[in-house]
Amino acid sequence: QRTVAAARNSDTQDLHRAMAAAVIW
């Protein structure tokens, strides 16, 4: 309910950066 993540930490970091960029836009 609180997050979208990936099985690998590095993938999660890439995903969250992309999501944050969409919010900033």
PDB file of all heavy atoms in Angstrom:
ATOM      1  N   GLN A   1       0.809  -1.215   0.000  1.00  0.00           N
ATOM      2  CA  GLN A   1       0.000   0.000   0.000  1.00  0.00           C
ATOM      3  C   GLN A   1       0.842   1.266   0.000  1.00  0.00           C
ATOM      4  O   GLN A   1       0.357   2.335  -0.383  1.00  0.00           O
ATOM      5  CB  GLN A   1      -0.938   0.007   1.200  1.00  0.00           C
ATOM      6  CG  GLN A   1      -2.035  -1.056   1.126  1.00  0.00           C
ATOM      7  CD  GLN A   1      -2.979  -0.987   2.305  1.00  0.00           C
ATOM      8  OE1 GLN A   1      -2.670  -0.362   3.314  1.00  0.00           O
ATOM      9  NE2 GLN A   1      -4.131  -1.624   2.176  1.00  0.00           N
ATOM     10  N   ARG A   2       2.097   1.159   0.394  1.00  0.00           N
ATOM     11  CA  ARG A   2       2.913   2.358   0.566  1.00  0.00           C
ATOM     12  C   ARG A   2       4.000   2.536  -0.496  1.00  0.00           C
ATOM     13  O   ARG A   2       4.553   3.632  -0.622  1.00  0.00           O
ATOM     14  CB  ARG A   2       3.578   2.345   1.951  1.00  0.00           C
ATOM     15  CG  ARG A   2       2.572   2.376   3.104  1.00  0.00           C
ATOM     16  CD  ARG A   2       3.296   2.528   4.431  1.00  0.00           C
ATOM     17  NE  ARG A   2       4.113   3.731   4.473  1.00  0.00           N
ATOM     18  CZ  ARG A   2       3.634   4.942   4.739  1.00  0.00           C
ATOM     19  NH1 ARG A   2       2.341   5.110   4.991  1.00  0.00           N
ATOM     20  NH2 ARG A   2       4.441   5.984   4.760  1.00  0.00           N
ATOM     21  N   THR A   3       4.305   1.499  -1.240  1.00  0.00           N
ATOM     22  CA  THR A   3       5.424   1.648  -2.164  1.00  0.00           C
ATOM     23  C   THR A   3       5.347   0.692  -3.341  1.00  0.00           C
ATOM     24  O   THR A   3       4.681  -0.350  -3.277  1.00  0.00           O
ATOM     25  CB  THR A   3       6.766   1.435  -1.423  1.00  0.00           C
ATOM     26  OG1 THR A   3       7.851   1.779  -2.290  1.00  0.00           O
ATOM     27  CG2 THR A   3       6.926  -0.022  -1.015  1.00  0.00           C
ATOM     28  N   VAL A   4       6.028   1.085  -4.397  1.00  0.00           N
ATOM     29  CA  VAL A   4       6.295   0.220  -5.547  1.00  0.00           C
ATOM     30  C   VAL A   4       7.803  -0.002  -5.546  1.00  0.00           C
ATOM     31  O   VAL A   4       8.568   0.959  -5.482  1.00  0.00           O
ATOM     32  CB  VAL A   4       5.874   0.882  -6.878  1.00  0.00           C
ATOM     33  CG1 VAL A   4       6.094  -0.078  -8.047  1.00  0.00           C
ATOM     34  CG2 VAL A   4       4.440   1.348  -6.819  1.00  0.00           C
ATOM     35  N   ALA A   5       8.214  -1.242  -5.614  1.00  0.00           N
ATOM     36  CA  ALA A   5       9.640  -1.539  -5.510  1.00  0.00           C
ATOM     37  C   ALA A   5       9.999  -2.699  -6.431  1.00  0.00           C
ATOM     38  O   ALA A   5       9.157  -3.255  -7.137  1.00  0.00           O
ATOM     39  CB  ALA A   5      10.019  -1.863  -4.060  1.00  0.00           C
ATOM     40  N   ALA A   6      11.292  -3.047  -6.411  1.00  0.00           N
ATOM     41  CA  ALA A   6      11.811  -4.140  -7.221  1.00  0.00           C
ATOM     42  C   ALA A   6      12.512  -5.143  -6.326  1.00  0.00           C
ATOM     43  O   ALA A   6      12.856  -4.853  -5.171  1.00  0.00           O
ATOM     44  CB  ALA A   6      12.779  -3.604  -8.281  1.00  0.00           C
ATOM     45  N   ALA A   7      12.741  -6.327  -6.858  1.00  0.00           N
ATOM     46  CA  ALA A   7      13.415  -7.373  -6.084  1.00  0.00           C
ATOM     47  C   ALA A   7      14.869  -6.994  -5.798  1.00  0.00           C
ATOM     48  O   ALA A   7      15.433  -7.371  -4.769  1.00  0.00           O
ATOM     49  CB  ALA A   7      13.342  -8.709  -6.820  1.00  0.00           C
ATOM     50  N   ARG A   8      15.502  -6.249  -6.728  1.00  0.00           N
ATOM     51  CA  ARG A   8      16.881  -5.803  -6.531  1.00  0.00           C
ATOM     52  C   ARG A   8      16.893  -4.353  -6.051  1.00  0.00           C
ATOM     53  O   ARG A   8      16.157  -3.507  -6.563  1.00  0.00           O
ATOM     54  CB  ARG A   8      17.668  -5.892  -7.843  1.00  0.00           C
ATOM     55  CG  ARG A   8      17.913  -7.309  -8.345  1.00  0.00           C
ATOM     56  CD  ARG A   8      18.849  -7.257  -9.552  1.00  0.00           C
ATOM     57  NE  ARG A   8      19.071  -8.560 -10.130  1.00  0.00           N
ATOM     58  CZ  ARG A   8      19.884  -8.780 -11.170  1.00  0.00           C
ATOM     59  NH1 ARG A   8      20.533  -7.763 -11.727  1.00  0.00           N
ATOM     60  NH2 ARG A   8      20.042 -10.000 -11.645  1.00  0.00           N
ATOM     61  N   ASN A   9      17.756  -4.049  -5.086  1.00  0.00           N
ATOM     62  CA  ASN A   9      17.834  -2.687  -4.562  1.00  0.00           C
ATOM     63  C   ASN A   9      18.208  -1.683  -5.646  1.00  0.00           C
ATOM     64  O   ASN A   9      17.666  -0.571  -5.698  1.00  0.00           O
ATOM     65  CB  ASN A   9      18.847  -2.617  -3.420  1.00  0.00           C
ATOM     66  CG  ASN A   9      18.346  -3.301  -2.159  1.00  0.00           C
ATOM     67  OD1 ASN A   9      17.134  -3.414  -1.960  1.00  0.00           O
ATOM     68  ND2 ASN A   9      19.256  -3.756  -1.321  1.00  0.00           N
ATOM     69  N   SER A  10      19.143  -2.065  -6.517  1.00  0.00           N
ATOM     70  CA  SER A  10      19.567  -1.140  -7.572  1.00  0.00           C
ATOM     71  C   SER A  10      18.416  -0.836  -8.527  1.00  0.00           C
ATOM     72  O   SER A  10      18.260   0.309  -8.986  1.00  0.00           O
ATOM     73  CB  SER A  10      20.754  -1.719  -8.346  1.00  0.00           C
ATOM     74  OG  SER A  10      20.416  -2.971  -8.929  1.00  0.00           O
ATOM     75  N   ASP A  11      17.580  -1.847  -8.817  1.00  0.00           N
ATOM     76  CA  ASP A  11      16.418  -1.617  -9.675  1.00  0.00           C
ATOM     77  C   ASP A  11      15.410  -0.697  -8.989  1.00  0.00           C
ATOM     78  O   ASP A  11      14.800   0.163  -9.620  1.00  0.00           O
ATOM     79  CB  ASP A  11      15.745  -2.941 -10.030  1.00  0.00           C
ATOM     80  CG  ASP A  11      16.576  -3.804 -10.971  1.00  0.00           C
ATOM     81  OD1 ASP A  11      17.570  -3.278 -11.517  1.00  0.00           O
ATOM     82  OD2 ASP A  11      16.240  -4.990 -11.149  1.00  0.00           O
ATOM     83  N   THR A  12      15.217  -0.881  -7.682  1.00  0.00           N
ATOM     84  CA  THR A  12      14.308  -0.024  -6.922  1.00  0.00           C
ATOM     85  C   THR A  12      14.768   1.432  -6.966  1.00  0.00           C
ATOM     86  O   THR A  12      13.964   2.353  -7.142  1.00  0.00           O
ATOM     87  CB  THR A  12      14.204  -0.494  -5.463  1.00  0.00           C
ATOM     88  OG1 THR A  12      13.667  -1.812  -5.422  1.00  0.00           O
ATOM     89  CG2 THR A  12      13.312   0.430  -4.649  1.00  0.00           C
ATOM     90  N   GLN A  13      16.073   1.655  -6.812  1.00  0.00           N
ATOM     91  CA  GLN A  13      16.603   3.017  -6.852  1.00  0.00           C
ATOM     92  C   GLN A  13      16.350   3.658  -8.213  1.00  0.00           C
ATOM     93  O   GLN A  13      15.924   4.830  -8.298  1.00  0.00           O
ATOM     94  CB  GLN A  13      18.092   3.001  -6.536  1.00  0.00           C
ATOM     95  CG  GLN A  13      18.407   2.596  -5.091  1.00  0.00           C
ATOM     96  CD  GLN A  13      19.885   2.377  -4.850  1.00  0.00           C
ATOM     97  OE1 GLN A  13      20.718   2.658  -5.718  1.00  0.00           O
ATOM     98  NE2 GLN A  13      20.236   1.872  -3.677  1.00  0.00           N
ATOM     99  N   ASP A  14      16.597   2.911  -9.287  1.00  0.00           N
ATOM    100  CA  ASP A  14      16.335   3.446 -10.633  1.00  0.00           C
ATOM    101  C   ASP A  14      14.852   3.766 -10.815  1.00  0.00           C
ATOM    102  O   ASP A  14      14.490   4.805 -11.372  1.00  0.00           O
ATOM    103  CB  ASP A  14      16.763   2.427 -11.698  1.00  0.00           C
ATOM    104  CG  ASP A  14      18.268   2.249 -11.777  1.00  0.00           C
ATOM    105  OD1 ASP A  14      18.993   3.129 -11.277  1.00  0.00           O
ATOM    106  OD2 ASP A  14      18.709   1.220 -12.326  1.00  0.00           O
ATOM    107  N   LEU A  15      13.990   2.864 -10.333  1.00  0.00           N
ATOM    108  CA  LEU A  15      12.551   3.058 -10.468  1.00  0.00           C
ATOM    109  C   LEU A  15      12.084   4.291  -9.707  1.00  0.00           C
ATOM    110  O   LEU A  15      11.328   5.116 -10.228  1.00  0.00           O
ATOM    111  CB  LEU A  15      11.821   1.806  -9.967  1.00  0.00           C
ATOM    112  CG  LEU A  15      10.290   1.829 -10.011  1.00  0.00           C
ATOM    113  CD1 LEU A  15       9.796   1.956 -11.446  1.00  0.00           C
ATOM    114  CD2 LEU A  15       9.722   0.563  -9.363  1.00  0.00           C
ATOM    115  N   HIS A  16      12.540   4.444  -8.463  1.00  0.00           N
ATOM    116  CA  HIS A  16      12.108   5.579  -7.650  1.00  0.00           C
ATOM    117  C   HIS A  16      12.627   6.903  -8.212  1.00  0.00           C
ATOM    118  O   HIS A  16      11.938   7.939  -8.114  1.00  0.00           O
ATOM    119  CB  HIS A  16      12.563   5.390  -6.204  1.00  0.00           C
ATOM    120  CG  HIS A  16      11.757   4.359  -5.471  1.00  0.00           C
ATOM    121  ND1 HIS A  16      12.003   3.984  -4.168  1.00  0.00           N
ATOM    122  CD2 HIS A  16      10.691   3.604  -5.874  1.00  0.00           C
ATOM    123  CE1 HIS A  16      11.129   3.059  -3.791  1.00  0.00           C
ATOM    124  NE2 HIS A  16      10.334   2.814  -4.809  1.00  0.00           N
ATOM    125  N   ARG A  17      13.826   6.891  -8.790  1.00  0.00           N
ATOM    126  CA  ARG A  17      14.333   8.125  -9.415  1.00  0.00           C
ATOM    127  C   ARG A  17      13.436   8.534 -10.586  1.00  0.00           C
ATOM    128  O   ARG A  17      13.118   9.716 -10.763  1.00  0.00           O
ATOM    129  CB  ARG A  17      15.774   7.920  -9.887  1.00  0.00           C
ATOM    130  CG  ARG A  17      16.820   8.138  -8.811  1.00  0.00           C
ATOM    131  CD  ARG A  17      18.212   8.269  -9.417  1.00  0.00           C
ATOM    132  NE  ARG A  17      18.666   7.023 -10.013  1.00  0.00           N
ATOM    133  CZ  ARG A  17      19.380   6.105  -9.369  1.00  0.00           C
ATOM    134  NH1 ARG A  17      19.727   6.307  -8.094  1.00  0.00           N
ATOM    135  NH2 ARG A  17      19.769   5.004  -9.980  1.00  0.00           N
ATOM    136  N   ALA A  18      13.033   7.549 -11.389  1.00  0.00           N
ATOM    137  CA  ALA A  18      12.174   7.850 -12.531  1.00  0.00           C
ATOM    138  C   ALA A  18      10.801   8.337 -12.075  1.00  0.00           C
ATOM    139  O   ALA A  18      10.230   9.271 -12.662  1.00  0.00           O
ATOM    140  CB  ALA A  18      12.032   6.614 -13.411  1.00  0.00           C
ATOM    141  N   MET A  19      10.241   7.713 -11.028  1.00  0.00           N
ATOM    142  CA  MET A  19       8.947   8.133 -10.504  1.00  0.00           C
ATOM    143  C   MET A  19       9.025   9.549  -9.926  1.00  0.00           C
ATOM    144  O   MET A  19       8.136  10.378 -10.143  1.00  0.00           O
ATOM    145  CB  MET A  19       8.465   7.136  -9.446  1.00  0.00           C
ATOM    146  CG  MET A  19       8.155   5.742 -10.006  1.00  0.00           C
ATOM    147  SD  MET A  19       7.931   4.477  -8.711  1.00  0.00           S
ATOM    148  CE  MET A  19       6.391   5.033  -7.960  1.00  0.00           C
ATOM    149  N   ALA A  20      10.104   9.834  -9.181  1.00  0.00           N
ATOM    150  CA  ALA A  20      10.271  11.171  -8.606  1.00  0.00           C
ATOM    151  C   ALA A  20      10.401  12.226  -9.699  1.00  0.00           C
ATOM    152  O   ALA A  20       9.873  13.336  -9.574  1.00  0.00           O
ATOM    153  CB  ALA A  20      11.499  11.196  -7.697  1.00  0.00           C
ATOM    154  N   ALA A  21      11.085  11.888 -10.785  1.00  0.00           N
ATOM    155  CA  ALA A  21      11.225  12.833 -11.905  1.00  0.00           C
ATOM    156  C   ALA A  21       9.869  13.136 -12.520  1.00  0.00           C
ATOM    157  O   ALA A  21       9.603  14.275 -12.944  1.00  0.00           O
ATOM    158  CB  ALA A  21      12.176  12.261 -12.951  1.00  0.00           C
ATOM    159  N   ALA A  22       8.983  12.138 -12.593  1.00  0.00           N
ATOM    160  CA  ALA A  22       7.640  12.364 -13.137  1.00  0.00           C
ATOM    161  C   ALA A  22       6.856  13.322 -12.241  1.00  0.00           C
ATOM    162  O   ALA A  22       6.132  14.203 -12.731  1.00  0.00           O
ATOM    163  CB  ALA A  22       6.902  11.025 -13.267  1.00  0.00           C
ATOM    164  N   VAL A  23       6.985  13.173 -10.934  1.00  0.00           N
ATOM    165  CA  VAL A  23       6.294  14.059  -9.995  1.00  0.00           C
ATOM    166  C   VAL A  23       6.819  15.490 -10.131  1.00  0.00           C
ATOM    167  O   VAL A  23       6.054  16.463 -10.153  1.00  0.00           O
ATOM    168  CB  VAL A  23       6.466  13.552  -8.549  1.00  0.00           C
ATOM    169  CG1 VAL A  23       5.944  14.591  -7.552  1.00  0.00           C
ATOM    170  CG2 VAL A  23       5.737  12.224  -8.365  1.00  0.00           C
ATOM    171  N   ILE A  24       8.147  15.621 -10.235  1.00  0.00           N
ATOM    172  CA  ILE A  24       8.753  16.954 -10.379  1.00  0.00           C
ATOM    173  C   ILE A  24       8.266  17.620 -11.665  1.00  0.00           C
ATOM    174  O   ILE A  24       7.966  18.817 -11.690  1.00  0.00           O
ATOM    175  CB  ILE A  24      10.288  16.843 -10.367  1.00  0.00           C
ATOM    176  CG1 ILE A  24      10.768  16.430  -8.961  1.00  0.00           C
ATOM    177  CG2 ILE A  24      10.933  18.162 -10.781  1.00  0.00           C
ATOM    178  CD1 ILE A  24      12.241  16.117  -8.891  1.00  0.00           C
ATOM    179  N   TRP A  25       8.166  16.853 -12.744  1.00  0.00           N
ATOM    180  CA  TRP A  25       7.685  17.406 -14.015  1.00  0.00           C
ATOM    181  C   TRP A  25       6.273  17.958 -13.851  1.00  0.00           C
ATOM    182  O   TRP A  25       5.970  19.028 -14.365  1.00  0.00           O
ATOM    183  CB  TRP A  25       7.705  16.325 -15.089  1.00  0.00           C
ATOM    184  CG  TRP A  25       7.348  16.847 -16.454  1.00  0.00           C
ATOM    185  CD1 TRP A  25       8.209  17.307 -17.406  1.00  0.00           C
ATOM    186  CD2 TRP A  25       6.034  16.959 -17.016  1.00  0.00           C
ATOM    187  NE1 TRP A  25       7.517  17.716 -18.522  1.00  0.00           N
ATOM    188  CE2 TRP A  25       6.180  17.511 -18.319  1.00  0.00           C
ATOM    189  CE3 TRP A  25       4.757  16.660 -16.564  1.00  0.00           C
ATOM    190  CZ2 TRP A  25       5.093  17.751 -19.145  1.00  0.00           C
ATOM    191  CZ3 TRP A  25       3.672  16.913 -17.390  1.00  0.00           C
ATOM    192  CH2 TRP A  25       3.840  17.447 -18.664  1.00  0.00           C
TER     193      TRP A  25
END
